[in-house]
């Protein structure tokens, strides 16, 4: 972080734009978003798959219920 502070930048993406081009910044941020989407999907799928096997409930239903409860928890700010 001291490196970014010294050159007056706030993020690595700003540095990438300054060092290379706006296209590199967009590529890096796009790859980060795609990586996070895969990570979140896996984080949601694996526990629901285990619960589906244990309880015998439908996998899609568990994914929707878990996703809805996580969104409600997040929106509540808890």
N, C-alpha and C. Protein backbone atom coordinates (compact mmCIF):
# COMPACT_ATOMS: atom_id res chain seq x y z
N UNK A 1 0.79 -1.19 0.00
CA UNK A 1 0.00 0.00 0.00
C UNK A 1 0.85 1.27 0.00
N UNK A 2 2.00 1.28 0.65
CA UNK A 2 2.82 2.50 0.60
C UNK A 2 3.20 2.89 -0.83
N UNK A 3 3.37 1.89 -1.70
CA UNK A 3 3.71 2.15 -3.10
C UNK A 3 2.62 2.98 -3.77
N UNK A 4 1.37 2.58 -3.59
CA UNK A 4 0.25 3.30 -4.19
C UNK A 4 0.11 4.69 -3.59
N UNK A 5 0.33 4.80 -2.29
CA UNK A 5 0.23 6.09 -1.62
C UNK A 5 1.29 7.07 -2.14
N UNK A 6 2.50 6.55 -2.34
CA UNK A 6 3.59 7.41 -2.83
C UNK A 6 3.30 7.98 -4.21
N UNK A 7 2.71 7.17 -5.08
CA UNK A 7 2.45 7.66 -6.44
C UNK A 7 1.06 8.26 -6.59
N UNK A 8 0.30 8.33 -5.50
CA UNK A 8 -0.98 9.03 -5.51
C UNK A 8 -2.13 8.24 -6.12
N UNK A 9 -2.06 6.93 -6.03
CA UNK A 9 -3.12 6.08 -6.57
C UNK A 9 -3.86 5.38 -5.44
N UNK A 10 -5.07 4.92 -5.74
CA UNK A 10 -5.88 4.28 -4.70
C UNK A 10 -6.07 2.78 -4.90
N UNK A 11 -5.77 2.26 -6.09
CA UNK A 11 -5.98 0.83 -6.32
C UNK A 11 -5.01 0.30 -7.37
N UNK A 12 -4.92 -1.00 -7.40
CA UNK A 12 -4.07 -1.64 -8.40
C UNK A 12 -4.64 -1.42 -9.80
N UNK A 13 -5.96 -1.30 -9.90
CA UNK A 13 -6.58 -1.08 -11.21
C UNK A 13 -6.24 0.30 -11.76
N UNK A 14 -6.17 1.28 -10.90
CA UNK A 14 -5.75 2.61 -11.31
C UNK A 14 -4.29 2.59 -11.77
N UNK A 15 -3.48 1.82 -11.06
CA UNK A 15 -2.08 1.67 -11.46
C UNK A 15 -1.98 1.01 -12.83
N UNK A 16 -2.77 -0.03 -13.06
CA UNK A 16 -2.72 -0.71 -14.35
C UNK A 16 -3.12 0.23 -15.49
N UNK A 17 -4.11 1.07 -15.24
CA UNK A 17 -4.51 2.03 -16.27
C UNK A 17 -3.41 3.05 -16.53
N UNK A 18 -2.78 3.51 -15.47
CA UNK A 18 -1.71 4.51 -15.64
C UNK A 18 -0.48 3.89 -16.30
N UNK A 19 -0.16 2.66 -15.90
CA UNK A 19 1.05 1.99 -16.41
C UNK A 19 0.87 1.48 -17.83
N UNK A 20 -0.31 0.93 -18.15
CA UNK A 20 -0.53 0.33 -19.46
C UNK A 20 -1.60 1.09 -20.24
N UNK A 21 -2.87 0.73 -20.00
CA UNK A 21 -3.95 1.33 -20.78
C UNK A 21 -5.27 1.01 -20.09
N UNK A 22 -6.32 1.71 -20.49
CA UNK A 22 -7.63 1.46 -19.90
C UNK A 22 -8.12 0.05 -20.23
N UNK A 23 -7.68 -0.49 -21.37
CA UNK A 23 -8.09 -1.85 -21.75
C UNK A 23 -7.52 -2.88 -20.78
N UNK A 24 -6.31 -2.68 -20.31
CA UNK A 24 -5.71 -3.60 -19.34
C UNK A 24 -6.46 -3.52 -18.01
N UNK A 25 -6.83 -2.30 -17.63
CA UNK A 25 -7.61 -2.13 -16.39
C UNK A 25 -8.95 -2.85 -16.51
N UNK A 26 -9.64 -2.70 -17.62
CA UNK A 26 -10.93 -3.37 -17.81
C UNK A 26 -10.77 -4.88 -17.85
N UNK A 27 -9.72 -5.36 -18.49
CA UNK A 27 -9.47 -6.80 -18.54
C UNK A 27 -9.22 -7.35 -17.14
N UNK A 28 -8.40 -6.67 -16.37
CA UNK A 28 -8.08 -7.14 -15.01
C UNK A 28 -9.33 -7.12 -14.14
N UNK A 29 -10.11 -6.07 -14.20
CA UNK A 29 -11.32 -6.01 -13.37
C UNK A 29 -12.36 -7.03 -13.84
N UNK A 30 -12.46 -7.25 -15.15
CA UNK A 30 -13.37 -8.26 -15.67
C UNK A 30 -12.98 -9.67 -15.23
N UNK A 31 -11.70 -9.96 -15.28
CA UNK A 31 -11.22 -11.27 -14.82
C UNK A 31 -11.47 -11.46 -13.33
N UNK A 32 -11.30 -10.39 -12.56
CA UNK A 32 -11.56 -10.47 -11.12
C UNK A 32 -13.04 -10.77 -10.87
N UNK A 33 -13.93 -10.10 -11.59
CA UNK A 33 -15.36 -10.32 -11.42
C UNK A 33 -15.74 -11.75 -11.80
N UNK A 34 -15.22 -12.24 -12.93
CA UNK A 34 -15.50 -13.62 -13.35
C UNK A 34 -14.99 -14.61 -12.32
N UNK A 35 -13.78 -14.40 -11.80
CA UNK A 35 -13.21 -15.27 -10.77
C UNK A 35 -14.10 -15.30 -9.53
N UNK A 36 -14.56 -14.13 -9.09
CA UNK A 36 -15.43 -14.06 -7.92
C UNK A 36 -16.77 -14.74 -8.16
N UNK A 37 -17.32 -14.62 -9.36
CA UNK A 37 -18.58 -15.29 -9.66
C UNK A 37 -18.43 -16.81 -9.58
N UNK A 38 -17.33 -17.34 -10.13
CA UNK A 38 -17.07 -18.78 -10.01
C UNK A 38 -16.88 -19.19 -8.56
N UNK A 39 -16.18 -18.37 -7.81
CA UNK A 39 -15.94 -18.66 -6.40
C UNK A 39 -17.24 -18.67 -5.62
N UNK A 40 -18.09 -17.67 -5.85
CA UNK A 40 -19.37 -17.62 -5.14
C UNK A 40 -20.29 -18.77 -5.54
N UNK A 41 -20.28 -19.12 -6.81
CA UNK A 41 -21.10 -20.24 -7.26
C UNK A 41 -20.66 -21.53 -6.59
N UNK A 42 -19.36 -21.75 -6.50
CA UNK A 42 -18.85 -22.95 -5.84
C UNK A 42 -19.17 -22.94 -4.36
N UNK A 43 -19.03 -21.77 -3.73
CA UNK A 43 -19.33 -21.64 -2.31
C UNK A 43 -20.79 -21.92 -2.01
N UNK A 44 -21.67 -21.62 -2.93
CA UNK A 44 -23.09 -21.88 -2.75
C UNK A 44 -23.45 -23.32 -3.12
N UNK A 45 -22.84 -23.84 -4.19
CA UNK A 45 -23.20 -25.16 -4.70
C UNK A 45 -22.78 -26.30 -3.77
N UNK A 46 -21.56 -26.25 -3.27
CA UNK A 46 -21.03 -27.38 -2.49
C UNK A 46 -21.83 -27.67 -1.22
N UNK A 47 -22.10 -26.68 -0.38
CA UNK A 47 -22.92 -26.99 0.81
C UNK A 47 -24.33 -27.45 0.45
N UNK A 48 -24.90 -26.86 -0.62
CA UNK A 48 -26.25 -27.27 -1.03
C UNK A 48 -26.24 -28.70 -1.57
N UNK A 49 -25.20 -29.08 -2.25
CA UNK A 49 -25.08 -30.46 -2.75
C UNK A 49 -25.02 -31.44 -1.57
N UNK A 50 -24.24 -31.10 -0.57
CA UNK A 50 -24.13 -31.95 0.62
C UNK A 50 -25.48 -32.05 1.34
N UNK A 51 -26.15 -30.90 1.52
CA UNK A 51 -27.47 -30.90 2.15
C UNK A 51 -28.48 -31.68 1.33
N UNK A 52 -28.39 -31.61 0.02
CA UNK A 52 -29.29 -32.36 -0.85
C UNK A 52 -29.12 -33.86 -0.66
N UNK A 53 -27.88 -34.29 -0.56
CA UNK A 53 -27.61 -35.72 -0.36
C UNK A 53 -28.09 -36.17 1.02
N UNK A 54 -27.86 -35.35 2.03
CA UNK A 54 -28.23 -35.71 3.40
C UNK A 54 -29.75 -35.70 3.60
N UNK A 55 -30.39 -34.64 3.12
CA UNK A 55 -31.83 -34.47 3.39
C UNK A 55 -32.73 -35.04 2.33
N UNK A 56 -32.23 -35.23 1.12
CA UNK A 56 -33.05 -35.72 0.02
C UNK A 56 -33.88 -34.64 -0.66
N UNK A 57 -33.66 -33.38 -0.26
CA UNK A 57 -34.37 -32.26 -0.90
C UNK A 57 -33.77 -31.97 -2.27
N UNK A 58 -34.55 -31.29 -3.09
CA UNK A 58 -34.10 -30.93 -4.44
C UNK A 58 -32.95 -29.92 -4.37
N UNK A 59 -31.93 -30.14 -5.18
CA UNK A 59 -30.74 -29.30 -5.18
C UNK A 59 -31.06 -27.87 -5.59
N UNK A 60 -31.85 -27.70 -6.63
CA UNK A 60 -32.19 -26.35 -7.11
C UNK A 60 -32.96 -25.59 -6.05
N UNK A 61 -33.88 -26.25 -5.38
CA UNK A 61 -34.64 -25.61 -4.31
C UNK A 61 -33.73 -25.16 -3.18
N UNK A 62 -32.78 -26.01 -2.80
CA UNK A 62 -31.84 -25.65 -1.74
C UNK A 62 -30.96 -24.47 -2.15
N UNK A 63 -30.53 -24.45 -3.39
CA UNK A 63 -29.71 -23.34 -3.87
C UNK A 63 -30.49 -22.04 -3.82
N UNK A 64 -31.75 -22.07 -4.28
CA UNK A 64 -32.58 -20.86 -4.25
C UNK A 64 -32.86 -20.40 -2.83
N UNK A 65 -33.18 -21.34 -1.94
CA UNK A 65 -33.44 -20.98 -0.55
C UNK A 65 -32.20 -20.42 0.14
N UNK A 66 -31.08 -21.06 -0.07
CA UNK A 66 -29.84 -20.60 0.54
C UNK A 66 -29.45 -19.23 -0.02
N UNK A 67 -29.55 -19.07 -1.33
CA UNK A 67 -29.24 -17.78 -1.94
C UNK A 67 -30.14 -16.67 -1.43
N UNK A 68 -31.44 -16.96 -1.29
CA UNK A 68 -32.39 -15.96 -0.79
C UNK A 68 -32.08 -15.61 0.67
N UNK A 69 -31.77 -16.62 1.48
CA UNK A 69 -31.47 -16.33 2.89
C UNK A 69 -30.17 -15.55 3.03
N UNK A 70 -29.17 -15.84 2.22
CA UNK A 70 -27.91 -15.10 2.27
C UNK A 70 -28.13 -13.65 1.82
N UNK A 71 -28.94 -13.45 0.78
CA UNK A 71 -29.24 -12.09 0.34
C UNK A 71 -29.99 -11.31 1.42
N UNK A 72 -30.96 -11.96 2.05
CA UNK A 72 -31.73 -11.30 3.11
C UNK A 72 -30.80 -10.93 4.28
N UNK A 73 -29.91 -11.81 4.64
CA UNK A 73 -28.95 -11.56 5.72
C UNK A 73 -28.05 -10.39 5.37
N UNK A 74 -27.62 -10.34 4.13
CA UNK A 74 -26.73 -9.27 3.69
C UNK A 74 -27.45 -7.93 3.65
N UNK A 75 -28.67 -7.94 3.13
CA UNK A 75 -29.45 -6.69 3.05
C UNK A 75 -29.77 -6.17 4.45
N UNK A 76 -30.00 -7.08 5.39
CA UNK A 76 -30.28 -6.66 6.76
C UNK A 76 -29.06 -6.03 7.42
N UNK A 77 -27.89 -6.27 6.86
CA UNK A 77 -26.68 -5.67 7.40
C UNK A 77 -26.12 -6.38 8.61
N UNK A 78 -26.54 -7.60 8.79
CA UNK A 78 -26.08 -8.35 9.95
C UNK A 78 -24.73 -8.97 9.73
